[in-house]
N, C-alpha and C. Protein backbone atom coordinates (compact mmCIF):
# COMPACT_ATOMS: atom_id res chain seq x y z
N MET A 1 0.90 -0.96 -0.06
CA MET A 1 0.01 0.03 0.01
C MET A 1 0.94 1.39 -0.03
N ALA A 2 0.64 2.18 -0.76
CA ALA A 2 1.42 3.22 -0.96
C ALA A 2 1.47 4.28 0.07
N ILE A 3 2.35 5.19 0.41
CA ILE A 3 1.95 6.04 1.39
C ILE A 3 1.86 7.46 0.42
N GLY A 4 1.06 8.41 0.91
CA GLY A 4 1.19 9.47 -0.04
C GLY A 4 1.39 10.68 1.09
N ARG A 5 1.02 11.97 0.46
CA ARG A 5 1.42 12.99 0.92
C ARG A 5 0.36 13.30 2.13
N PHE A 6 -0.59 12.86 1.88
CA PHE A 6 -1.83 12.84 3.13
C PHE A 6 -0.83 12.14 4.35
N GLN A 7 -0.60 10.91 4.20
CA GLN A 7 0.00 10.35 5.37
C GLN A 7 1.38 10.99 5.90
N VAL A 8 2.15 11.48 5.11
CA VAL A 8 3.23 12.31 5.42
C VAL A 8 2.74 13.50 6.32
N MET A 9 2.33 14.08 5.62
CA MET A 9 1.55 15.47 6.54
C MET A 9 0.84 14.59 7.90
N ALA A 10 0.15 14.01 7.99
CA ALA A 10 -0.41 13.79 9.30
C ALA A 10 0.49 13.44 10.08
N MET A 11 1.82 12.52 9.66
CA MET A 11 2.95 12.00 10.65
C MET A 11 3.82 13.34 10.67
N LEU A 12 4.22 14.12 9.96
CA LEU A 12 4.63 15.24 10.50
C LEU A 12 4.00 16.15 11.54
N GLN A 13 2.97 16.38 11.17
CA GLN A 13 1.82 17.06 12.14
C GLN A 13 2.05 16.74 13.62
N ALA A 14 1.63 15.13 13.32
CA ALA A 14 1.86 14.63 14.96
C ALA A 14 2.93 14.61 15.36
N ALA A 15 4.25 14.68 14.54
CA ALA A 15 5.22 14.55 15.57
C ALA A 15 5.64 16.08 16.04
N ARG A 16 5.22 17.14 15.18
CA ARG A 16 5.17 18.47 15.28
C ARG A 16 4.48 18.97 16.86
N ALA A 17 3.26 18.38 17.11
CA ALA A 17 2.50 18.55 18.13
C ALA A 17 3.39 17.86 19.24
N TYR A 18 3.83 16.83 19.17
CA TYR A 18 3.87 16.06 20.30
C TYR A 18 5.35 16.73 20.57
N ARG A 19 6.26 17.27 19.69
CA ARG A 19 7.27 17.84 20.37
C ARG A 19 6.81 19.15 20.75
N LEU A 20 6.11 19.60 20.77
CA LEU A 20 5.74 21.15 21.30
C LEU A 20 4.97 20.90 22.69
N GLY A 21 4.68 19.53 22.83
CA GLY A 21 4.42 19.50 23.99
C GLY A 21 2.86 18.71 24.02
N LEU A 22 2.26 18.51 23.17
CA LEU A 22 0.72 17.51 23.64
C LEU A 22 1.21 16.32 23.80
N PRO A 23 0.25 15.69 24.63
CA PRO A 23 0.23 13.77 24.62
C PRO A 23 0.01 13.39 23.58
N LEU A 24 0.51 12.40 23.33
CA LEU A 24 0.58 11.52 22.42
C LEU A 24 -0.72 11.41 21.42
N GLU A 25 -1.83 10.71 22.38
CA GLU A 25 -2.94 10.78 21.83
C GLU A 25 -3.51 11.86 21.15
N SER A 26 -3.58 12.99 22.06
CA SER A 26 -3.96 14.52 21.23
C SER A 26 -3.14 14.77 20.14
N SER A 27 -1.62 14.53 20.45
CA SER A 27 -0.95 14.93 19.07
C SER A 27 -1.38 14.37 17.99
N LEU A 28 -1.45 12.56 17.88
CA LEU A 28 -2.42 11.71 16.64
C LEU A 28 -3.54 12.52 16.21
N SER A 29 -4.24 12.96 17.28
CA SER A 29 -5.75 13.76 16.47
C SER A 29 -5.22 14.97 15.97
N TRP A 30 -4.21 15.67 16.43
CA TRP A 30 -3.93 16.99 15.76
C TRP A 30 -3.30 16.63 14.37
N GLY A 31 -2.50 15.45 14.15
CA GLY A 31 -1.97 15.16 13.07
C GLY A 31 -2.81 14.77 11.83
N LEU A 32 -3.70 14.08 12.42
CA LEU A 32 -4.93 13.75 11.09
C LEU A 32 -5.92 14.93 11.18
N ASN A 33 -6.13 15.56 12.08
CA ASN A 33 -7.00 16.77 11.50
C ASN A 33 -6.19 17.95 10.45
N ARG A 34 -4.84 18.12 10.90
CA ARG A 34 -4.35 18.86 9.89
C ARG A 34 -4.07 18.43 8.53
N ALA A 35 -3.83 17.05 8.30
CA ALA A 35 -3.88 16.50 7.23
C ALA A 35 -5.43 16.56 6.15
N ILE A 36 -6.50 16.35 7.26
CA ILE A 36 -7.70 16.70 6.95
C ILE A 36 -7.84 18.20 6.33
N PHE A 37 -7.33 18.69 7.03
CA PHE A 37 -7.59 20.33 6.82
C PHE A 37 -6.79 20.89 5.39
N TYR A 38 -5.74 20.26 5.32
CA TYR A 38 -4.93 20.71 4.32
C TYR A 38 -5.32 19.90 3.02
N ALA A 39 -5.97 18.53 2.94
CA ALA A 39 -6.00 18.28 1.72
C ALA A 39 -7.56 18.80 1.58
N ALA A 40 -8.38 19.14 1.92
CA ALA A 40 -9.56 20.43 1.93
C ALA A 40 -9.13 21.64 1.49
N ALA A 41 -8.23 22.21 2.03
CA ALA A 41 -8.10 23.20 1.61
C ALA A 41 -7.33 23.23 0.03
N LYS A 42 -6.50 21.86 -0.14
CA LYS A 42 -6.19 21.88 -1.56
C LYS A 42 -7.12 21.79 -2.35
N ARG A 43 -8.37 21.02 -2.02
CA ARG A 43 -9.39 20.70 -2.90
C ARG A 43 -10.24 22.05 -3.17
N GLY A 44 -9.80 23.17 -2.59
CA GLY A 44 -10.54 24.31 -2.85
C GLY A 44 -11.84 24.75 -1.91
N PHE A 45 -11.75 24.30 -0.65
CA PHE A 45 -12.80 24.76 0.17
C PHE A 45 -12.66 26.38 0.67
N ARG A 46 -13.32 27.26 0.93
CA ARG A 46 -13.08 28.45 1.18
C ARG A 46 -12.75 28.73 2.59
N ARG A 47 -11.36 28.86 2.66
CA ARG A 47 -10.76 28.83 4.05
C ARG A 47 -11.12 30.25 4.90
N LEU A 48 -11.50 29.77 5.87
CA LEU A 48 -11.83 30.92 7.03
C LEU A 48 -10.62 31.70 7.69
N LYS A 49 -10.84 32.73 7.37
CA LYS A 49 -9.77 33.68 7.86
C LYS A 49 -9.91 33.41 9.65
N MET A 50 -8.67 32.71 10.02
CA MET A 50 -8.70 32.38 11.43
C MET A 50 -7.76 33.07 12.29
N PRO A 51 -8.24 33.73 13.39
CA PRO A 51 -7.46 35.05 13.92
C PRO A 51 -6.35 34.28 14.08
N LYS A 52 -5.15 35.27 13.94
CA LYS A 52 -3.49 35.01 14.15
C LYS A 52 -3.45 35.40 15.85
N ARG A 53 -2.19 35.12 16.39
CA ARG A 53 -1.82 35.44 17.61
C ARG A 53 -0.47 36.36 17.38
N PRO A 54 -0.47 37.72 18.39
CA PRO A 54 0.60 37.96 18.36
C PRO A 54 1.98 37.33 18.28
N ARG A 55 3.23 37.68 17.69
CA ARG A 55 4.19 36.78 18.15
C ARG A 55 4.93 36.72 19.35
N GLU A 56 4.55 37.74 20.10
CA GLU A 56 5.24 37.86 21.47
C GLU A 56 4.19 37.08 22.26
N GLU A 57 3.19 37.04 22.25
CA GLU A 57 2.12 36.36 22.97
C GLU A 57 2.41 34.57 22.22
N MET A 58 2.54 34.32 21.43
CA MET A 58 2.81 33.37 20.68
C MET A 58 4.28 32.39 21.63
N LEU A 59 5.21 33.00 21.21
CA LEU A 59 6.68 32.73 22.25
C LEU A 59 6.45 32.57 23.53
N LYS A 60 5.63 33.39 24.34
CA LYS A 60 5.42 33.07 25.78
C LYS A 60 4.68 32.09 26.30
N ARG A 61 3.30 31.76 24.99
CA ARG A 61 2.73 30.23 25.46
C ARG A 61 2.40 29.76 24.11
N PRO A 62 3.32 28.77 23.65
CA PRO A 62 3.24 28.28 22.62
C PRO A 62 1.78 27.37 22.25
N ILE A 63 1.46 26.83 23.38
CA ILE A 63 0.25 26.19 23.32
C ILE A 63 -0.99 27.10 24.07
N MET A 64 -1.90 27.35 23.47
CA MET A 64 -2.88 27.93 24.08
C MET A 64 -4.55 27.44 23.84
N GLU A 65 -5.57 27.55 24.90
CA GLU A 65 -6.44 26.66 24.92
C GLU A 65 -7.55 28.16 25.23
N ARG A 66 -8.59 28.13 24.04
CA ARG A 66 -9.63 28.70 24.69
C ARG A 66 -11.04 27.61 24.81
N ARG A 67 -12.27 28.02 24.94
CA ARG A 67 -13.46 27.36 24.98
C ARG A 67 -13.53 26.18 24.00
N ASP A 68 -13.79 26.52 22.97
CA ASP A 68 -13.63 25.71 21.58
C ASP A 68 -12.62 25.70 20.70
N VAL A 69 -11.56 26.48 20.78
CA VAL A 69 -10.73 26.61 19.81
C VAL A 69 -9.16 26.59 20.82
N PHE A 70 -8.45 26.05 19.98
CA PHE A 70 -7.14 25.49 20.38
C PHE A 70 -5.91 26.01 19.41
N TYR A 71 -4.67 26.84 19.85
CA TYR A 71 -3.82 27.08 19.09
C TYR A 71 -2.55 26.22 19.55
N LEU A 72 -1.75 25.96 18.17
CA LEU A 72 -0.50 25.23 18.58
C LEU A 72 0.41 26.44 17.73
N GLY A 73 1.25 26.83 18.45
CA GLY A 73 1.73 28.02 17.65
C GLY A 73 0.81 29.29 17.27
N ASP A 74 0.98 29.38 15.75
CA ASP A 74 -0.28 30.44 15.11
C ASP A 74 -1.16 29.85 14.37
N GLU A 75 -1.12 28.10 14.79
CA GLU A 75 -2.17 27.63 13.92
C GLU A 75 -3.26 27.42 14.70
N MET A 76 -4.32 27.19 14.47
CA MET A 76 -5.55 27.50 15.18
C MET A 76 -6.62 26.30 14.83
N ALA A 77 -7.05 25.71 15.84
CA ALA A 77 -7.98 24.28 14.90
C ALA A 77 -9.33 24.14 16.15
N TYR A 78 -10.48 23.91 15.79
CA TYR A 78 -11.44 23.79 16.94
C TYR A 78 -11.41 22.31 17.57
N LYS A 79 -11.67 22.51 18.77
CA LYS A 79 -11.21 20.97 19.62
C LYS A 79 -12.44 20.59 20.57
N ALA A 80 -12.38 19.35 21.02
CA ALA A 80 -13.79 18.89 21.56
C ALA A 80 -12.68 17.65 22.61
N GLU A 81 -13.56 17.38 23.48
CA GLU A 81 -12.91 16.36 24.22
C GLU A 81 -13.94 15.29 24.25
N VAL A 82 -13.10 14.03 23.86
CA VAL A 82 -13.32 12.51 23.85
C VAL A 82 -12.81 11.89 24.76
N ASP A 83 -13.70 11.15 25.56
CA ASP A 83 -13.68 10.35 26.55
C ASP A 83 -12.43 10.52 27.16
N GLY A 84 -12.12 11.90 27.59
CA GLY A 84 -10.98 12.77 28.48
C GLY A 84 -10.12 12.94 27.93
N VAL A 85 -9.96 13.08 26.41
CA VAL A 85 -9.05 13.15 25.90
C VAL A 85 -8.81 14.37 24.76
N LEU A 86 -8.04 15.22 24.76
CA LEU A 86 -8.46 16.36 23.83
C LEU A 86 -8.22 16.21 22.70
N CYS A 87 -9.14 16.51 21.68
CA CYS A 87 -9.28 15.67 20.20
C CYS A 87 -9.33 17.29 19.41
N PHE A 88 -9.05 17.26 17.98
CA PHE A 88 -9.53 18.08 17.42
C PHE A 88 -10.51 18.01 16.27
N THR A 89 -11.22 19.06 15.78
CA THR A 89 -12.37 18.58 15.10
C THR A 89 -12.54 19.36 13.77
N ILE A 90 -13.16 18.75 12.79
CA ILE A 90 -13.52 19.72 11.55
C ILE A 90 -14.74 19.47 11.03
N GLY A 91 -15.49 20.16 10.91
CA GLY A 91 -17.14 19.95 10.62
C GLY A 91 -17.92 19.48 11.73
N GLY A 92 -17.65 19.66 12.84
CA GLY A 92 -17.79 19.02 14.26
C GLY A 92 -17.41 17.42 14.53
N LYS A 93 -16.78 17.08 13.25
CA LYS A 93 -16.36 15.43 14.00
C LYS A 93 -14.92 15.59 14.18
N PRO A 94 -14.91 14.80 15.57
CA PRO A 94 -13.54 14.77 16.24
C PRO A 94 -12.64 13.78 15.31
N GLN A 95 -11.26 14.23 15.23
CA GLN A 95 -10.34 13.41 14.53
C GLN A 95 -9.90 12.67 15.96
N THR A 96 -9.89 11.36 16.34
CA THR A 96 -9.38 10.55 17.58
C THR A 96 -8.08 9.84 17.32
N ALA A 97 -7.27 9.43 18.09
CA ALA A 97 -6.05 8.78 18.10
C ALA A 97 -6.28 7.36 17.28
N GLU A 98 -7.46 7.03 17.67
CA GLU A 98 -7.97 5.81 17.15
C GLU A 98 -8.15 5.80 15.81
N ASP A 99 -8.61 6.70 15.22
CA ASP A 99 -8.80 7.20 13.74
C ASP A 99 -7.53 7.36 13.21
N PHE A 100 -6.47 8.25 13.83
CA PHE A 100 -5.18 8.15 13.37
C PHE A 100 -4.40 6.69 12.80
N ARG A 101 -4.82 5.63 14.02
CA ARG A 101 -4.23 4.84 13.95
C ARG A 101 -4.99 3.72 12.80
N ARG A 102 -6.29 4.04 12.76
CA ARG A 102 -7.03 3.24 11.55
C ARG A 102 -6.61 3.79 9.94
N GLU A 103 -6.68 4.93 10.00
CA GLU A 103 -6.28 5.85 8.58
C GLU A 103 -4.88 5.83 8.48
N ILE A 104 -4.08 6.08 9.30
CA ILE A 104 -2.77 6.67 8.92
C ILE A 104 -1.34 5.25 9.25
N ALA A 105 -1.47 4.66 10.60
CA ALA A 105 -0.57 3.87 11.20
C ALA A 105 -0.96 2.50 10.74
N ARG A 106 -2.26 2.30 10.23
CA ARG A 106 -2.79 0.66 9.77
C ARG A 106 -1.99 0.81 8.24
N ARG A 107 -1.95 1.98 7.57
CA ARG A 107 -1.43 1.93 6.24
C ARG A 107 -0.04 1.71 6.19
N PHE A 108 1.06 1.88 7.61
CA PHE A 108 2.26 1.59 7.63
C PHE A 108 2.49 0.01 7.98
N GLY A 109 1.56 -0.64 8.33
CA GLY A 109 1.78 -1.66 9.03
C GLY A 109 2.99 -2.01 10.07
N GLU A 110 3.85 -2.85 9.72
CA GLU A 110 4.63 -3.00 10.72
C GLU A 110 5.91 -1.95 10.79
N ALA A 111 5.86 -1.36 9.82
CA ALA A 111 6.84 -0.06 9.33
C ALA A 111 6.35 1.24 10.18
N PHE A 112 5.48 1.12 10.89
CA PHE A 112 4.73 2.57 11.74
C PHE A 112 6.16 2.94 12.45
N ASP A 113 6.44 1.80 13.44
CA ASP A 113 7.25 2.59 14.61
C ASP A 113 8.80 3.34 13.95
N GLU A 114 8.93 2.59 12.93
CA GLU A 114 10.22 3.23 12.33
C GLU A 114 10.06 4.46 11.78
N ALA A 115 9.16 4.81 11.18
CA ALA A 115 8.58 5.83 10.22
C ALA A 115 8.20 7.12 11.25
N TRP A 116 7.32 6.83 12.56
CA TRP A 116 7.53 7.77 13.24
C TRP A 116 8.57 8.22 14.00
N ARG A 117 9.61 7.23 14.35
CA ARG A 117 10.93 7.57 14.97
C ARG A 117 11.66 8.27 13.91
N GLU A 118 11.57 8.35 12.57
CA GLU A 118 12.22 9.45 11.60
C GLU A 118 11.07 10.59 11.34
N ALA A 119 9.89 10.75 11.55
CA ALA A 119 9.13 12.08 11.77
C ALA A 119 9.81 12.50 12.82
N LEU A 120 9.75 12.05 14.20
CA LEU A 120 10.46 12.75 15.56
C LEU A 120 11.67 13.13 15.07
N ALA A 121 12.10 12.52 14.43
CA ALA A 121 13.87 13.17 14.37
C ALA A 121 13.72 14.21 13.18
N ILE A 122 13.08 13.91 12.15
CA ILE A 122 13.17 15.62 11.33
C ILE A 122 12.23 16.66 12.16
N VAL A 123 11.30 16.21 12.65
CA VAL A 123 10.82 17.55 13.38
C VAL A 123 11.94 17.80 14.63
N GLY A 124 12.47 17.32 15.19
CA GLY A 124 13.19 17.48 16.20
C GLY A 124 14.20 18.12 16.20
N SER A 125 14.81 18.11 14.50
CA SER A 125 16.11 19.26 14.17
C SER A 125 15.73 20.49 13.76
N TYR A 126 14.59 20.92 13.90
CA TYR A 126 13.70 22.23 13.77
C TYR A 126 13.98 22.94 15.31
N GLY A 127 13.72 24.28 14.97
CA GLY A 127 13.85 25.17 16.32
C GLY A 127 12.41 25.25 16.64
N GLU A 128 12.33 25.39 17.93
CA GLU A 128 10.81 25.76 18.25
C GLU A 128 10.04 27.11 17.25
N GLU A 129 10.84 28.21 16.85
CA GLU A 129 10.21 29.38 15.96
C GLU A 129 9.45 28.50 14.74
N THR A 130 10.59 27.62 14.30
CA THR A 130 9.74 26.97 12.90
C THR A 130 8.48 26.27 13.18
N LEU A 131 8.63 25.44 14.34
CA LEU A 131 7.55 24.51 14.39
C LEU A 131 6.28 25.24 15.07
N LEU A 132 6.83 26.62 15.64
CA LEU A 132 5.45 27.33 16.08
C LEU A 132 4.54 28.22 14.96
N SER A 133 5.29 27.73 13.76
CA SER A 133 4.77 29.01 12.52
C SER A 133 4.01 27.99 11.49
N GLN A 134 2.87 28.17 11.67
CA GLN A 134 1.90 27.13 10.44
C GLN A 134 2.78 27.23 9.09
N ARG A 135 2.65 28.48 8.80
CA ARG A 135 3.80 28.50 7.32
C ARG A 135 5.23 28.06 7.32
N ARG A 136 5.83 28.62 8.19
CA ARG A 136 7.47 27.98 8.39
C ARG A 136 7.24 26.46 8.42
N PHE A 137 6.34 25.91 9.23
CA PHE A 137 6.47 24.32 9.04
C PHE A 137 6.08 23.96 8.07
N TYR A 138 5.14 24.42 7.02
CA TYR A 138 4.64 24.18 5.90
C TYR A 138 5.83 23.88 4.83
N GLU A 139 6.60 25.24 4.86
CA GLU A 139 7.35 25.59 3.62
C GLU A 139 9.02 25.11 3.98
N GLU A 140 9.16 24.77 5.16
CA GLU A 140 10.49 24.43 5.53
C GLU A 140 10.41 22.93 6.23
N VAL A 141 9.83 22.15 6.78
CA VAL A 141 9.42 21.10 7.22
C VAL A 141 9.03 20.00 6.29
N TYR A 142 7.62 20.42 5.97
CA TYR A 142 7.13 19.56 5.09
C TYR A 142 7.22 19.18 3.65
N LYS A 143 6.89 20.68 3.09
CA LYS A 143 7.03 20.77 1.67
C LYS A 143 8.22 20.15 0.88
N PRO A 144 9.35 20.81 1.23
CA PRO A 144 10.63 20.02 0.94
C PRO A 144 10.92 18.51 0.83
N ARG A 145 10.12 18.02 1.67
CA ARG A 145 10.54 16.36 1.97
C ARG A 145 9.51 15.73 1.59
N ARG A 146 8.12 15.96 1.03
CA ARG A 146 6.84 15.30 1.14
C ARG A 146 6.97 14.29 0.28
N ASP A 147 7.43 14.37 -0.99
CA ASP A 147 7.64 13.42 -1.94
C ASP A 147 8.61 12.66 -1.79
N THR A 148 10.10 12.71 -1.07
CA THR A 148 10.88 11.66 -0.83
C THR A 148 10.32 11.08 0.36
N LEU A 149 9.71 11.56 1.41
CA LEU A 149 9.31 10.52 2.50
C LEU A 149 8.39 9.71 2.11
N ALA A 150 7.38 10.13 1.06
CA ALA A 150 6.23 9.37 0.57
C ALA A 150 6.48 8.07 0.22
N GLU A 151 7.88 8.26 -0.93
CA GLU A 151 8.42 7.32 -1.52
C GLU A 151 9.22 6.27 -0.55
N ARG A 152 10.12 6.95 0.24
CA ARG A 152 11.06 6.22 1.25
C ARG A 152 10.03 5.28 2.26
N TRP A 153 8.96 5.92 2.75
CA TRP A 153 7.97 4.87 3.65
C TRP A 153 7.25 4.29 2.62
N THR A 154 6.86 4.15 1.75
CA THR A 154 6.44 3.47 0.78
C THR A 154 7.21 2.44 0.61
N ARG A 155 8.42 2.32 0.22
CA ARG A 155 9.48 1.40 0.20
C ARG A 155 9.78 0.52 1.22
N LEU A 156 9.47 1.33 2.42
CA LEU A 156 9.90 1.00 3.68
C LEU A 156 8.95 -0.45 4.23
N VAL A 157 7.41 0.38 3.61
CA VAL A 157 6.33 -0.52 3.73
C VAL A 157 6.35 -1.91 3.13
N ARG A 158 6.87 -1.40 2.03
CA ARG A 158 6.85 -2.92 1.03
C ARG A 158 7.88 -4.04 1.20
N GLU A 159 8.79 -3.35 2.26
CA GLU A 159 9.90 -4.34 2.32
C GLU A 159 9.57 -5.25 3.53
N ARG A 160 8.88 -4.31 4.53
CA ARG A 160 8.68 -5.26 5.93
C ARG A 160 7.40 -6.06 5.61
N ARG A 161 6.61 -5.75 4.41
CA ARG A 161 5.64 -6.68 4.30
C ARG A 161 6.09 -7.78 3.40
N ARG A 162 6.78 -7.91 2.41
CA ARG A 162 7.69 -8.84 2.07
C ARG A 162 8.71 -9.62 2.92
N ALA A 163 9.24 -9.06 3.85
CA ALA A 163 9.89 -9.45 4.82
C ALA A 163 9.21 -10.63 5.87
N SER A 164 7.80 -9.98 6.06
CA SER A 164 6.92 -10.40 7.04
C SER A 164 5.91 -11.79 6.11
N ASN A 165 6.11 -11.61 4.76
CA ASN A 165 5.58 -12.81 4.13
C ASN A 165 6.15 -13.74 4.05
N ALA A 166 7.65 -13.67 3.89
CA ALA A 166 8.79 -14.51 3.53
C ALA A 166 8.82 -15.37 5.00
N SER A 167 8.87 -15.05 5.99
CA SER A 167 8.70 -15.83 7.21
C SER A 167 7.81 -16.47 7.59
């Protein structure tokens, strides 16, 4: 099964959220939520003008919550609590860690842990200022390597499946 840009975005966004301090379950929700958001934006939904935070405020408090809104750096998402876990929503539907596992991790199969470690290493090589900026994260972290990671992770998945079938 091929790994595409959608899965790459979900993995890198989840790793970004985890590196910035969200618990794993919420980070996985963030990753899937942002992948869905960017896929919808690419297909042309009219993007709402989301309120931006002043840079000084963002640097003092990289993660900020309001009643139904959550900011990771300068990027805003709607939130909900599902079974006591912070999740992110699009169109009123929460994206849970279980959704991430079903839609993203399952696609990687036995290669997921290795790809996740690579995503964490990639994100970990960038400073907080890049990770706190929606634009910089997209332009500097995701965009330059999206196709390379999709190809490499697809090969990794295929290699792991062949090895698993051979044994």
